[in-house]
C-alpha atoms as a PDB file:
ATOM      1  CA  MET A   1    -124.151 162.532 -91.640  1.00  0.00           C
ATOM      2  CA  LYS A   2    -124.632 164.221 -94.845  1.00  0.00           C
ATOM      3  CA  THR A   3    -125.203 168.009 -95.598  1.00  0.00           C
ATOM      4  CA  ALA A   4    -127.766 169.480 -98.117  1.00  0.00           C
ATOM      5  CA  ASN A   5    -125.290 169.307-100.982  1.00  0.00           C
ATOM      6  CA  ASN A   6    -124.978 165.427-100.330  1.00  0.00           C
ATOM      7  CA  LYS A   7    -121.729 165.908 -98.995  1.00  0.00           C
ATOM      8  CA  LYS A   8    -120.332 163.890 -95.984  1.00  0.00           C
ATOM      9  CA  SER A   9    -119.953 166.177 -93.047  1.00  0.00           C
ATOM     10  CA  ASP A  10    -116.526 165.453 -91.296  1.00  0.00           C
ATOM     11  CA  THR A  11    -116.163 167.008 -87.918  1.00  0.00           C
ATOM     12  CA  ALA A  12    -113.442 164.582 -87.093  1.00  0.00           C
ATOM     13  CA  PRO A  13    -109.928 166.357 -86.049  1.00  0.00           C
ATOM     14  CA  LYS A  14    -107.543 166.509 -88.930  1.00  0.00           C
ATOM     15  CA  SER A  15    -104.143 164.894 -88.739  1.00  0.00           C
ATOM     16  CA  GLU A  16    -100.908 167.025 -88.846  1.00  0.00           C
ATOM     17  CA  GLY A  17    -100.307 165.608 -92.285  1.00  0.00           C
ATOM     18  CA  TYR A  18    -103.665 166.910 -93.528  1.00  0.00           C
ATOM     19  CA  LYS A  19    -103.102 170.147 -92.035  1.00  0.00           C
ATOM     20  CA  ALA A  20     -99.497 170.445 -93.673  1.00  0.00           C
ATOM     21  CA  GLY A  21    -101.148 169.140 -96.878  1.00  0.00           C
ATOM     22  CA  LEU A  22    -103.688 171.808 -96.910  1.00  0.00           C
ATOM     23  CA  ALA A  23    -101.288 174.478 -96.258  1.00  0.00           C
ATOM     24  CA  MET A  24     -99.030 173.359 -99.079  1.00  0.00           C
ATOM     25  CA  ARG A  25    -101.798 172.712-101.530  1.00  0.00           C
ATOM     26  CA  LYS A  26    -102.981 176.257-101.110  1.00  0.00           C
ATOM     27  CA  LYS A  27     -99.452 177.648-101.365  1.00  0.00           C
ATOM     28  CA  VAL A  28     -98.996 175.775-104.635  1.00  0.00           C
ATOM     29  CA  LEU A  29    -102.519 175.936-106.158  1.00  0.00           C
ATOM     30  CA  GLY A  30    -103.852 179.081-104.508  1.00  0.00           C
ATOM     31  CA  ASP A  31    -106.508 179.463-101.847  1.00  0.00           C
ATOM     32  CA  ASP A  32    -109.298 179.975-104.270  1.00  0.00           C
ATOM     33  CA  TYR A  33    -108.579 176.772-106.341  1.00  0.00           C
ATOM     34  CA  VAL A  34    -108.299 174.561-103.162  1.00  0.00           C
ATOM     35  CA  GLU A  35    -111.535 175.953-101.415  1.00  0.00           C
ATOM     36  CA  ARG A  36    -113.621 175.535-104.937  1.00  0.00           C
ATOM     37  CA  SER A  37    -112.213 171.994-104.931  1.00  0.00           C
ATOM     38  CA  PHE A  38    -113.531 171.257-101.377  1.00  0.00           C
ATOM     39  CA  ALA A  39    -116.825 173.208-102.133  1.00  0.00           C
ATOM     40  CA  ASN A  40    -117.594 171.236-105.302  1.00  0.00           C
ATOM     41  CA  ALA A  41    -116.936 167.885-103.844  1.00  0.00           C
ATOM     42  CA  ASP A  42    -119.898 165.530-103.275  1.00  0.00           C
ATOM     43  CA  ASP A  43    -119.944 162.331-101.237  1.00  0.00           C
ATOM     44  CA  LEU A  44    -118.134 160.405-103.966  1.00  0.00           C
ATOM     45  CA  ASN A  45    -115.094 162.893-104.531  1.00  0.00           C
ATOM     46  CA  MET A  46    -114.637 164.097-100.888  1.00  0.00           C
ATOM     47  CA  PRO A  47    -112.697 161.083 -99.676  1.00  0.00           C
ATOM     48  CA  PHE A  48    -110.537 161.784-102.793  1.00  0.00           C
ATOM     49  CA  GLN A  49    -109.925 165.292-101.876  1.00  0.00           C
ATOM     50  CA  GLU A  50    -109.069 164.464 -98.411  1.00  0.00           C
ATOM     51  CA  LEU A  51    -106.695 161.560 -99.454  1.00  0.00           C
ATOM     52  CA  ALA A  52    -104.851 163.880-102.018  1.00  0.00           C
ATOM     53  CA  THR A  53    -104.467 166.639 -99.465  1.00  0.00           C
ATOM     54  CA  GLU A  54    -103.156 164.473 -96.638  1.00  0.00           C
ATOM     55  CA  PHE A  55    -101.055 161.991 -98.693  1.00  0.00           C
ATOM     56  CA  ALA A  56     -99.986 163.898-101.912  1.00  0.00           C
ATOM     57  CA  TRP A  57     -99.712 167.393-100.546  1.00  0.00           C
ATOM     58  CA  GLY A  58     -98.941 166.557 -96.819  1.00  0.00           C
ATOM     59  CA  LYS A  59     -96.615 163.679 -97.211  1.00  0.00           C
ATOM     60  CA  VAL A  60     -94.950 163.972-100.752  1.00  0.00           C
ATOM     61  CA  TRP A  61     -95.057 167.716-101.578  1.00  0.00           C
ATOM     62  CA  THR A  62     -93.602 168.777 -98.072  1.00  0.00           C
ATOM     63  CA  ARG A  63     -90.668 166.404 -98.279  1.00  0.00           C
ATOM     64  CA  PRO A  64     -87.226 167.823 -98.343  1.00  0.00           C
ATOM     65  CA  GLY A  65     -84.912 167.116-101.303  1.00  0.00           C
ATOM     66  CA  LEU A  66     -86.600 168.862-104.206  1.00  0.00           C
ATOM     67  CA  THR A  67     -87.670 172.544-104.354  1.00  0.00           C
ATOM     68  CA  LEU A  68     -91.232 173.314-105.142  1.00  0.00           C
ATOM     69  CA  LYS A  69     -90.147 174.601-108.498  1.00  0.00           C
ATOM     70  CA  GLU A  70     -88.568 171.289-109.237  1.00  0.00           C
ATOM     71  CA  ARG A  71     -91.513 169.478-107.956  1.00  0.00           C
ATOM     72  CA  SER A  72     -93.839 171.412-110.302  1.00  0.00           C
ATOM     73  CA  LEU A  73     -91.525 170.826-113.379  1.00  0.00           C
ATOM     74  CA  SER A  74     -91.536 167.054-112.464  1.00  0.00           C
ATOM     75  CA  THR A  75     -95.381 167.010-111.946  1.00  0.00           C
ATOM     76  CA  LEU A  76     -95.915 168.843-115.155  1.00  0.00           C
ATOM     77  CA  SER A  77     -93.636 166.245-116.985  1.00  0.00           C
ATOM     78  CA  MET A  78     -95.618 163.272-115.712  1.00  0.00           C
ATOM     79  CA  CYS A  79     -98.853 165.079-116.744  1.00  0.00           C
ATOM     80  CA  ILE A  80     -97.495 165.522-120.229  1.00  0.00           C
ATOM     81  CA  ALA A  81     -96.194 161.853-120.444  1.00  0.00           C
ATOM     82  CA  LEU A  82     -99.727 160.838-119.356  1.00  0.00           C
ATOM     83  CA  ASN A  83    -101.350 163.192-121.777  1.00  0.00           C
ATOM     84  CA  ARG A  84    -103.518 164.771-119.026  1.00  0.00           C
ATOM     85  CA  PRO A  85    -104.267 168.368-120.292  1.00  0.00           C
ATOM     86  CA  ALA A  86    -106.798 169.199-117.597  1.00  0.00           C
ATOM     87  CA  GLU A  87    -104.032 168.172-114.913  1.00  0.00           C
ATOM     88  CA  ILE A  88    -101.481 170.345-116.848  1.00  0.00           C
ATOM     89  CA  LYS A  89    -103.714 173.245-116.704  1.00  0.00           C
ATOM     90  CA  ILE A  90    -104.129 172.834-112.763  1.00  0.00           C
ATOM     91  CA  HIS A  91    -100.359 172.306-112.163  1.00  0.00           C
ATOM     92  CA  LEU A  92     -99.374 175.020-114.529  1.00  0.00           C
ATOM     93  CA  ARG A  93    -100.827 177.568-112.029  1.00  0.00           C
ATOM     94  CA  GLY A  94     -98.674 176.090-109.211  1.00  0.00           C
ATOM     95  CA  ALA A  95     -95.634 175.894-111.447  1.00  0.00           C
ATOM     96  CA  VAL A  96     -95.905 179.565-112.205  1.00  0.00           C
ATOM     97  CA  ARG A  97     -96.686 180.409-108.477  1.00  0.00           C
ATOM     98  CA  ASN A  98     -93.333 178.340-107.769  1.00  0.00           C
ATOM     99  CA  GLY A  99     -91.110 180.315-110.120  1.00  0.00           C
ATOM    100  CA  VAL A 100     -91.387 178.376-113.518  1.00  0.00           C
ATOM    101  CA  SER A 101     -90.901 180.719-116.429  1.00  0.00           C
ATOM    102  CA  ARG A 102     -92.395 180.672-119.801  1.00  0.00           C
ATOM    103  CA  GLU A 103     -89.113 179.718-121.287  1.00  0.00           C
ATOM    104  CA  GLU A 104     -88.754 176.973-118.901  1.00  0.00           C
ATOM    105  CA  LEU A 105     -92.324 175.888-119.807  1.00  0.00           C
ATOM    106  CA  ARG A 106     -91.443 175.926-123.493  1.00  0.00           C
ATOM    107  CA  GLU A 107     -88.253 173.959-123.024  1.00  0.00           C
ATOM    108  CA  LEU A 108     -89.901 171.373-120.925  1.00  0.00           C
ATOM    109  CA  ILE A 109     -92.676 170.704-123.498  1.00  0.00           C
ATOM    110  CA  LEU A 110     -89.958 170.656-126.282  1.00  0.00           C
ATOM    111  CA  HIS A 111     -87.997 168.127-124.265  1.00  0.00           C
ATOM    112  CA  SER A 112     -91.122 165.942-123.588  1.00  0.00           C
ATOM    113  CA  PHE A 113     -91.643 165.794-127.405  1.00  0.00           C
ATOM    114  CA  LEU A 114     -88.567 163.377-127.445  1.00  0.00           C
ATOM    115  CA  TYR A 115     -89.670 161.156-124.652  1.00  0.00           C
ATOM    116  CA  CYS A 116     -93.558 161.322-124.795  1.00  0.00           C
ATOM    117  CA  GLY A 117     -94.264 161.808-128.462  1.00  0.00           C
ATOM    118  CA  GLY A 118     -95.642 164.582-130.620  1.00  0.00           C
ATOM    119  CA  PRO A 119     -99.366 164.345-129.760  1.00  0.00           C
ATOM    120  CA  ALA A 120     -98.645 164.601-126.022  1.00  0.00           C
ATOM    121  CA  ALA A 121     -96.368 167.580-126.533  1.00  0.00           C
ATOM    122  CA  LEU A 122     -99.017 169.287-128.749  1.00  0.00           C
ATOM    123  CA  ASP A 123    -101.784 168.743-126.168  1.00  0.00           C
ATOM    124  CA  ALA A 124     -99.451 170.152-123.607  1.00  0.00           C
ATOM    125  CA  TYR A 125     -98.702 173.312-125.805  1.00  0.00           C
ATOM    126  CA  LYS A 126    -102.553 173.847-126.247  1.00  0.00           C
ATOM    127  CA  ALA A 127    -103.139 173.604-122.532  1.00  0.00           C
ATOM    128  CA  VAL A 128    -100.348 175.914-121.649  1.00  0.00           C
ATOM    129  CA  ARG A 129    -101.400 178.408-124.435  1.00  0.00           C
ATOM    130  CA  ASP A 130    -105.043 178.362-123.174  1.00  0.00           C
ATOM    131  CA  GLU A 131    -104.152 178.491-119.497  1.00  0.00           C
ATOM    132  CA  LEU A 132    -100.986 180.725-119.341  1.00  0.00           C
ATOM    133  CA  PRO A 133    -102.586 184.183-120.285  1.00  0.00           C
ATOM    134  CA  LEU A 134    -105.269 183.618-117.587  1.00  0.00           C
ATOM    135  CA  ILE A 135    -102.693 182.875-115.072  1.00  0.00           C
ATOM    136  CA  GLU A 136    -100.456 185.752-115.986  1.00  0.00           C
ATOM    137  CA  ALA A 137    -103.408 188.159-116.081  1.00  0.00           C
ATOM    138  CA  ALA A 138    -104.557 186.937-112.639  1.00  0.00           C
ATOM    139  CA  GLU A 139    -101.028 187.337-111.269  1.00  0.00           C
ATOM    140  CA  LYS A 140    -100.602 190.829-112.776  1.00  0.00           C
ATOM    141  CA  ALA A 141    -103.878 192.005-111.405  1.00  0.00           C
ATOM    142  CA  ALA A 142    -103.119 190.621-107.929  1.00  0.00           C
ATOM    143  CA  LYS A 143     -99.629 192.443-107.927  1.00  0.00           C
ATOM    144  CA  LYS A 144    -101.253 195.579-109.130  1.00  0.00           C
ATOM    145  CA  LEU A 145    -103.767 195.184-106.340  1.00  0.00           C
ATOM    146  CA  ALA A 146    -101.086 194.737-103.766  1.00  0.00           C
ATOM    147  CA  THR A 147     -99.055 197.672-105.042  1.00  0.00           C
ATOM    148  CA  THR A 148    -102.069 199.908-105.120  1.00  0.00           C
ATOM    149  CA  ALA A 149    -103.142 198.860-101.638  1.00  0.00           C
ATOM    150  CA  LYS A 150     -99.398 199.744-100.333  1.00  0.00           C
ATOM    151  CA  THR A 151     -98.701 202.960-102.090  1.00  0.00           C
ATOM    152  CA  LYS A 152    -101.994 204.724-102.097  1.00  0.00           C
ATOM    153  CA  PRO A 153    -104.138 205.534 -98.969  1.00  0.00           C
ATOM    154  CA  ALA A 154    -107.834 205.026 -99.214  1.00  0.00           C
ATOM    155  CA  LYS A 155    -109.549 208.166-100.678  1.00  0.00           C
ATOM    156  CA  THR A 156    -112.147 209.435 -98.234  1.00  0.00           C
ATOM    157  CA  LYS A 157    -113.873 212.653 -98.662  1.00  0.00           C
ATOM    158  CA  PRO A 158    -113.614 214.744 -95.454  1.00  0.00           C
ATOM    159  CA  ALA A 159    -116.988 215.610 -93.897  1.00  0.00           C
ATOM    160  CA  LYS A 160    -118.308 219.172 -94.764  1.00  0.00           C
ATOM    161  CA  SER A 161    -118.638 221.427 -91.907  1.00  0.00           C
ATOM    162  CA  PRO A 162    -122.072 222.930 -91.498  1.00  0.00           C
ATOM    163  CA  ALA A 163    -120.734 226.329 -92.274  1.00  0.00           C
ATOM    164  CA  LYS A 164    -119.219 225.352 -95.677  1.00  0.00           C
ATOM    165  CA  ALA A 165    -122.243 223.382 -96.528  1.00  0.00           C
ATOM    166  CA  SER A 166    -124.711 226.309 -95.924  1.00  0.00           C
ATOM    167  CA  THR A 167    -122.470 228.713 -97.831  1.00  0.00           C
ATOM    168  CA  LYS A 168    -122.482 226.484-100.998  1.00  0.00           C
ATOM    169  CA  SER A 169    -126.074 225.975-100.620  1.00  0.00           C
ATOM    170  CA  THR A 170    -126.733 229.841-100.301  1.00  0.00           C
ATOM    171  CA  ALA A 171    -124.262 230.413-103.443  1.00  0.00           C
ATOM    172  CA  LYS A 172    -126.431 227.922-105.417  1.00  0.00           C
ATOM    173  CA  ILE A 173    -129.684 229.875-104.484  1.00  0.00           C
ATOM    174  CA  LYS A 174    -128.306 233.219-105.353  1.00  0.00           C
ATOM    175  CA  ALA A 175    -127.105 232.098-108.815  1.00  0.00           C
END
C-alpha cells in the first residue's frame, strides 16, 4: 500500500536491530535529521532508509569495541577518502555530537591529505568550513535554551484583582 506521498506504508513490526538502529541514528545524527530523512523518503528511497537504519546503525554502530567518537572519526576518514562532501556534512554533525573537537577535525583532514590527496582534503575542508559554523550555532542555541529553561521560571503575569483593576481605571479617568 502507498500513501499520498507515494511512500510505501509499512505497518509490519520492526526488528530489535531496527529499533536499536533508529535509536543510535537519532543519538548520533539528531532526531530532526533522521525524521526528515524518513519524511522525505519516497518509494524508491524508503527501503534504503530502512536498511541503513537496521544494518548500518543497528548492527554496526551499536557494536562494542569502538567509542562513538572513534566511529565518527573513522566514518569521516572514509568519507574524505571517497571524496563525499555531502556525507562529510552529514557525519560532521554526528562527530560534533560525539565529542570530536575542531582541532581533531583539522588534524584528521590534514592527515587525510597524505593518504587521500589534496583534492579530497580540500573538499573536506570546504565541507567542514561550510557546515561547522551551522552546527556550532545550533549546539550553542540548544545549550542556551536548555540553560534558560532550567534557571529561569516562566514569566507569568499575576491576574489583576478586580479592586486593583478598578482603581487603575478610575485613576486614568481622573487624569
